[in-house]
Amino acid sequence: MPLWKCQVCGFVFEGLEAPDKCPKCGAPKEQFKQLSEQEVQLVLRSRKTNYLHMKVLTLLRELLVVAEEIENDNLDPPCVKLAKEEKEFALTTIQKIMAELETHMKRSKWG
């Protein structure tokens, strides 16, 4: 299925032809450019990578909740220490992923 990119806002539309107007910004059909096969492949790969990053974010947020529960249980010092390390890892990695996704969006790699 062809992909069309709005030259005004960067919205990517999937369809046999460009929409009459951009669903995001309202630009007319003439503002859409059909993407080349190479560009389509890059969009599809970007969508997959971004989806996977979002999935990891979900898992890391779950790790924060579980580590907090372990820490609050306070069974013994080694468990609490490990839970704190898990939380630090999750928080740092979340920030790295958010920065990477922001870079993707600025480079129109969101797809």
N, C-alpha and C. Protein backbone atom coordinates (compact mmCIF):
# COMPACT_ATOMS: atom_id res chain seq x y z
N MET A 1 0.85 -1.18 0.00
CA MET A 1 0.00 0.00 0.00
C MET A 1 0.90 1.25 0.00
N PRO A 2 0.66 2.18 -0.89
CA PRO A 2 1.48 3.39 -0.94
C PRO A 2 1.36 4.24 0.33
N LEU A 3 2.43 4.95 0.63
CA LEU A 3 2.43 5.91 1.74
C LEU A 3 2.59 7.31 1.15
N TRP A 4 1.87 8.25 1.75
CA TRP A 4 1.88 9.64 1.32
C TRP A 4 2.26 10.51 2.52
N LYS A 5 3.14 11.48 2.30
CA LYS A 5 3.59 12.34 3.40
C LYS A 5 3.15 13.77 3.15
N CYS A 6 2.51 14.34 4.16
CA CYS A 6 2.11 15.75 4.08
C CYS A 6 3.36 16.61 4.17
N GLN A 7 3.55 17.48 3.20
CA GLN A 7 4.73 18.33 3.17
C GLN A 7 4.62 19.51 4.14
N VAL A 8 3.44 19.69 4.73
CA VAL A 8 3.24 20.78 5.69
C VAL A 8 3.59 20.32 7.10
N CYS A 9 3.01 19.18 7.53
CA CYS A 9 3.18 18.76 8.92
C CYS A 9 3.92 17.44 9.11
N GLY A 10 4.15 16.69 8.02
CA GLY A 10 4.88 15.43 8.12
C GLY A 10 4.01 14.21 8.38
N PHE A 11 2.69 14.39 8.44
CA PHE A 11 1.78 13.26 8.65
C PHE A 11 1.94 12.24 7.53
N VAL A 12 2.02 10.96 7.88
CA VAL A 12 2.15 9.89 6.88
C VAL A 12 0.81 9.17 6.78
N PHE A 13 0.28 9.13 5.55
CA PHE A 13 -1.02 8.53 5.27
C PHE A 13 -0.83 7.29 4.43
N GLU A 14 -1.55 6.23 4.76
CA GLU A 14 -1.48 4.98 3.99
C GLU A 14 -2.76 4.84 3.18
N GLY A 15 -2.61 4.75 1.85
CA GLY A 15 -3.77 4.59 0.99
C GLY A 15 -3.38 4.57 -0.48
N LEU A 16 -4.31 4.20 -1.34
CA LEU A 16 -4.03 4.13 -2.77
C LEU A 16 -3.73 5.51 -3.36
N GLU A 17 -4.34 6.53 -2.75
CA GLU A 17 -4.04 7.91 -3.16
C GLU A 17 -4.07 8.79 -1.93
N ALA A 18 -3.51 9.97 -2.07
CA ALA A 18 -3.46 10.91 -0.95
C ALA A 18 -4.89 11.31 -0.55
N PRO A 19 -5.10 11.64 0.72
CA PRO A 19 -6.43 12.08 1.15
C PRO A 19 -6.74 13.47 0.58
N ASP A 20 -8.01 13.82 0.55
CA ASP A 20 -8.41 15.14 0.05
C ASP A 20 -7.82 16.27 0.90
N LYS A 21 -7.69 16.00 2.19
CA LYS A 21 -7.01 16.96 3.07
C LYS A 21 -6.31 16.19 4.17
N CYS A 22 -5.28 16.78 4.72
CA CYS A 22 -4.49 16.13 5.77
C CYS A 22 -5.33 15.99 7.04
N PRO A 23 -5.41 14.76 7.57
CA PRO A 23 -6.17 14.55 8.80
C PRO A 23 -5.58 15.29 10.01
N LYS A 24 -4.30 15.64 9.93
CA LYS A 24 -3.66 16.31 11.06
C LYS A 24 -3.75 17.83 10.96
N CYS A 25 -3.35 18.39 9.81
CA CYS A 25 -3.25 19.85 9.72
C CYS A 25 -4.26 20.47 8.75
N GLY A 26 -4.95 19.65 7.96
CA GLY A 26 -5.95 20.17 7.04
C GLY A 26 -5.40 20.63 5.70
N ALA A 27 -4.11 20.42 5.45
CA ALA A 27 -3.52 20.83 4.17
C ALA A 27 -4.21 20.09 3.02
N PRO A 28 -4.30 20.73 1.86
CA PRO A 28 -4.97 20.09 0.72
C PRO A 28 -4.14 18.94 0.15
N LYS A 29 -4.83 18.11 -0.64
CA LYS A 29 -4.25 16.92 -1.26
C LYS A 29 -2.94 17.22 -2.00
N GLU A 30 -2.85 18.39 -2.59
CA GLU A 30 -1.66 18.76 -3.37
C GLU A 30 -0.40 18.85 -2.51
N GLN A 31 -0.57 18.92 -1.20
CA GLN A 31 0.58 19.03 -0.31
C GLN A 31 1.16 17.66 0.06
N PHE A 32 0.56 16.58 -0.45
CA PHE A 32 1.06 15.23 -0.17
C PHE A 32 2.00 14.77 -1.27
N LYS A 33 3.06 14.09 -0.84
CA LYS A 33 4.03 13.51 -1.76
C LYS A 33 4.03 12.00 -1.52
N GLN A 34 3.96 11.22 -2.60
CA GLN A 34 4.05 9.78 -2.46
C GLN A 34 5.49 9.40 -2.14
N LEU A 35 5.66 8.57 -1.12
CA LEU A 35 7.00 8.16 -0.73
C LEU A 35 7.53 7.08 -1.66
N SER A 36 8.84 7.13 -1.90
CA SER A 36 9.49 6.10 -2.71
C SER A 36 9.51 4.78 -1.92
N GLU A 37 9.81 3.70 -2.60
CA GLU A 37 9.88 2.39 -1.93
C GLU A 37 10.92 2.41 -0.81
N GLN A 38 12.04 3.08 -1.05
CA GLN A 38 13.08 3.18 -0.03
C GLN A 38 12.56 3.97 1.18
N GLU A 39 11.86 5.07 0.93
CA GLU A 39 11.30 5.86 2.03
C GLU A 39 10.24 5.06 2.79
N VAL A 40 9.43 4.29 2.08
CA VAL A 40 8.40 3.45 2.72
C VAL A 40 9.07 2.45 3.66
N GLN A 41 10.14 1.82 3.20
CA GLN A 41 10.84 0.84 4.03
C GLN A 41 11.40 1.49 5.29
N LEU A 42 11.93 2.71 5.16
CA LEU A 42 12.45 3.42 6.33
C LEU A 42 11.33 3.75 7.32
N VAL A 43 10.18 4.17 6.80
CA VAL A 43 9.03 4.47 7.67
C VAL A 43 8.60 3.20 8.41
N LEU A 44 8.50 2.09 7.69
CA LEU A 44 8.07 0.84 8.32
C LEU A 44 9.06 0.38 9.39
N ARG A 45 10.35 0.50 9.10
CA ARG A 45 11.37 0.13 10.08
C ARG A 45 11.31 1.06 11.29
N SER A 46 11.11 2.35 11.04
CA SER A 46 11.01 3.31 12.15
C SER A 46 9.81 3.02 13.02
N ARG A 47 8.68 2.69 12.39
CA ARG A 47 7.49 2.36 13.17
C ARG A 47 7.75 1.16 14.07
N LYS A 48 8.43 0.15 13.52
CA LYS A 48 8.73 -1.05 14.31
C LYS A 48 9.65 -0.72 15.48
N THR A 49 10.72 0.00 15.20
CA THR A 49 11.67 0.36 16.26
C THR A 49 11.00 1.20 17.34
N ASN A 50 10.21 2.18 16.92
CA ASN A 50 9.55 3.04 17.90
C ASN A 50 8.55 2.24 18.73
N TYR A 51 7.83 1.32 18.10
CA TYR A 51 6.91 0.45 18.83
C TYR A 51 7.68 -0.36 19.88
N LEU A 52 8.82 -0.91 19.49
CA LEU A 52 9.60 -1.71 20.43
C LEU A 52 10.11 -0.87 21.59
N HIS A 53 10.54 0.35 21.30
CA HIS A 53 10.96 1.25 22.39
C HIS A 53 9.80 1.52 23.34
N MET A 54 8.61 1.72 22.80
CA MET A 54 7.44 1.98 23.64
C MET A 54 7.11 0.74 24.49
N LYS A 55 7.30 -0.43 23.93
CA LYS A 55 7.07 -1.66 24.67
C LYS A 55 8.06 -1.78 25.83
N VAL A 56 9.32 -1.45 25.57
CA VAL A 56 10.33 -1.48 26.63
C VAL A 56 9.98 -0.47 27.72
N LEU A 57 9.50 0.71 27.33
CA LEU A 57 9.08 1.70 28.32
C LEU A 57 8.01 1.12 29.25
N THR A 58 7.06 0.43 28.68
CA THR A 58 6.00 -0.18 29.48
C THR A 58 6.58 -1.19 30.48
N LEU A 59 7.51 -2.00 30.02
CA LEU A 59 8.14 -2.99 30.89
C LEU A 59 8.96 -2.32 32.00
N LEU A 60 9.67 -1.27 31.65
CA LEU A 60 10.47 -0.57 32.65
C LEU A 60 9.59 0.10 33.70
N ARG A 61 8.47 0.64 33.28
CA ARG A 61 7.55 1.24 34.25
C ARG A 61 6.98 0.17 35.18
N GLU A 62 6.76 -1.01 34.65
CA GLU A 62 6.31 -2.11 35.49
C GLU A 62 7.42 -2.51 36.46
N LEU A 63 8.66 -2.52 36.00
CA LEU A 63 9.79 -2.82 36.87
C LEU A 63 9.85 -1.82 38.02
N LEU A 64 9.60 -0.55 37.75
CA LEU A 64 9.60 0.45 38.82
C LEU A 64 8.58 0.11 39.91
N VAL A 65 7.41 -0.30 39.49
CA VAL A 65 6.34 -0.65 40.44
C VAL A 65 6.75 -1.86 41.28
N VAL A 66 7.27 -2.88 40.62
CA VAL A 66 7.65 -4.11 41.32
C VAL A 66 8.83 -3.83 42.26
N ALA A 67 9.81 -3.09 41.79
CA ALA A 67 10.97 -2.78 42.65
C ALA A 67 10.55 -1.96 43.86
N GLU A 68 9.61 -1.05 43.66
CA GLU A 68 9.09 -0.26 44.78
C GLU A 68 8.40 -1.18 45.80
N GLU A 69 7.67 -2.16 45.32
CA GLU A 69 6.99 -3.11 46.20
C GLU A 69 8.01 -3.92 47.01
N ILE A 70 9.08 -4.34 46.34
CA ILE A 70 10.14 -5.08 47.04
C ILE A 70 10.78 -4.20 48.10
N GLU A 71 11.06 -2.96 47.72
CA GLU A 71 11.70 -2.03 48.65
C GLU A 71 10.80 -1.78 49.87
N ASN A 72 9.51 -1.59 49.64
CA ASN A 72 8.57 -1.34 50.72
C ASN A 72 8.39 -2.56 51.63
N ASP A 73 8.51 -3.76 51.05
CA ASP A 73 8.41 -4.98 51.85
C ASP A 73 9.54 -5.06 52.86
N ASN A 74 10.70 -4.55 52.47
CA ASN A 74 11.84 -4.41 53.37
C ASN A 74 12.20 -5.73 54.07
N LEU A 75 12.22 -6.82 53.29
CA LEU A 75 12.51 -8.13 53.86
C LEU A 75 13.91 -8.19 54.47
N ASP A 76 14.89 -7.81 53.68
CA ASP A 76 16.26 -7.76 54.21
C ASP A 76 17.07 -6.78 53.39
N PRO A 77 18.19 -6.31 53.93
CA PRO A 77 18.99 -5.29 53.24
C PRO A 77 19.44 -5.64 51.82
N PRO A 78 19.87 -6.87 51.53
CA PRO A 78 20.25 -7.17 50.14
C PRO A 78 19.09 -7.03 49.15
N CYS A 79 17.90 -7.44 49.56
CA CYS A 79 16.73 -7.29 48.68
C CYS A 79 16.43 -5.81 48.43
N VAL A 80 16.48 -5.02 49.46
CA VAL A 80 16.22 -3.58 49.34
C VAL A 80 17.27 -2.94 48.45
N LYS A 81 18.52 -3.31 48.65
CA LYS A 81 19.62 -2.76 47.83
C LYS A 81 19.40 -3.08 46.36
N LEU A 82 19.06 -4.34 46.06
CA LEU A 82 18.81 -4.75 44.69
C LEU A 82 17.62 -4.00 44.08
N ALA A 83 16.57 -3.84 44.86
CA ALA A 83 15.39 -3.11 44.39
C ALA A 83 15.75 -1.66 44.04
N LYS A 84 16.57 -1.03 44.86
CA LYS A 84 17.00 0.35 44.58
C LYS A 84 17.83 0.41 43.30
N GLU A 85 18.68 -0.58 43.08
CA GLU A 85 19.47 -0.65 41.85
C GLU A 85 18.57 -0.85 40.63
N GLU A 86 17.56 -1.70 40.78
CA GLU A 86 16.61 -1.93 39.69
C GLU A 86 15.86 -0.65 39.33
N LYS A 87 15.45 0.09 40.35
CA LYS A 87 14.74 1.35 40.11
C LYS A 87 15.65 2.36 39.40
N GLU A 88 16.90 2.45 39.84
CA GLU A 88 17.84 3.38 39.21
C GLU A 88 18.07 3.01 37.74
N PHE A 89 18.25 1.72 37.49
CA PHE A 89 18.42 1.25 36.11
C PHE A 89 17.20 1.62 35.26
N ALA A 90 16.01 1.33 35.79
CA ALA A 90 14.78 1.60 35.05
C ALA A 90 14.63 3.09 34.76
N LEU A 91 14.83 3.92 35.76
CA LEU A 91 14.68 5.38 35.57
C LEU A 91 15.68 5.92 34.55
N THR A 92 16.92 5.48 34.65
CA THR A 92 17.95 5.94 33.70
C THR A 92 17.61 5.48 32.28
N THR A 93 17.21 4.24 32.14
CA THR A 93 16.90 3.71 30.81
C THR A 93 15.66 4.37 30.23
N ILE A 94 14.67 4.64 31.05
CA ILE A 94 13.48 5.36 30.58
C ILE A 94 13.88 6.71 30.01
N GLN A 95 14.74 7.43 30.70
CA GLN A 95 15.18 8.75 30.22
C GLN A 95 15.95 8.63 28.90
N LYS A 96 16.77 7.60 28.76
CA LYS A 96 17.50 7.38 27.51
C LYS A 96 16.53 7.11 26.35
N ILE A 97 15.54 6.26 26.61
CA ILE A 97 14.56 5.95 25.56
C ILE A 97 13.77 7.18 25.17
N MET A 98 13.35 7.96 26.16
CA MET A 98 12.58 9.17 25.87
C MET A 98 13.41 10.15 25.01
N ALA A 99 14.69 10.27 25.32
CA ALA A 99 15.57 11.13 24.54
C ALA A 99 15.71 10.61 23.11
N GLU A 100 15.83 9.30 22.96
CA GLU A 100 15.95 8.69 21.63
C GLU A 100 14.67 8.91 20.82
N LEU A 101 13.51 8.71 21.45
CA LEU A 101 12.25 8.94 20.74
C LEU A 101 12.07 10.40 20.35
N GLU A 102 12.52 11.30 21.21
CA GLU A 102 12.47 12.72 20.87
C GLU A 102 13.33 13.01 19.65
N THR A 103 14.50 12.40 19.59
CA THR A 103 15.37 12.55 18.42
C THR A 103 14.68 12.02 17.17
N HIS A 104 14.03 10.87 17.29
CA HIS A 104 13.31 10.30 16.14
C HIS A 104 12.23 11.27 15.65
N MET A 105 11.50 11.85 16.59
CA MET A 105 10.42 12.77 16.20
C MET A 105 10.98 14.02 15.52
N LYS A 106 12.09 14.54 16.03
CA LYS A 106 12.69 15.73 15.42
C LYS A 106 13.22 15.44 14.01
N ARG A 107 13.61 14.19 13.77
CA ARG A 107 14.13 13.80 12.47
C ARG A 107 13.04 13.18 11.59
N SER A 108 11.80 13.33 11.99
CA SER A 108 10.65 12.76 11.25
C SER A 108 10.78 11.25 11.08
N LYS A 109 11.30 10.58 12.10
CA LYS A 109 11.43 9.12 12.03
C LYS A 109 10.32 8.45 12.81
N TRP A 110 9.26 9.16 13.07
CA TRP A 110 8.18 8.54 13.84
C TRP A 110 7.33 7.66 12.95
N GLY A 111 7.09 8.11 11.72
CA GLY A 111 6.36 7.30 10.75
C GLY A 111 4.92 7.19 11.07
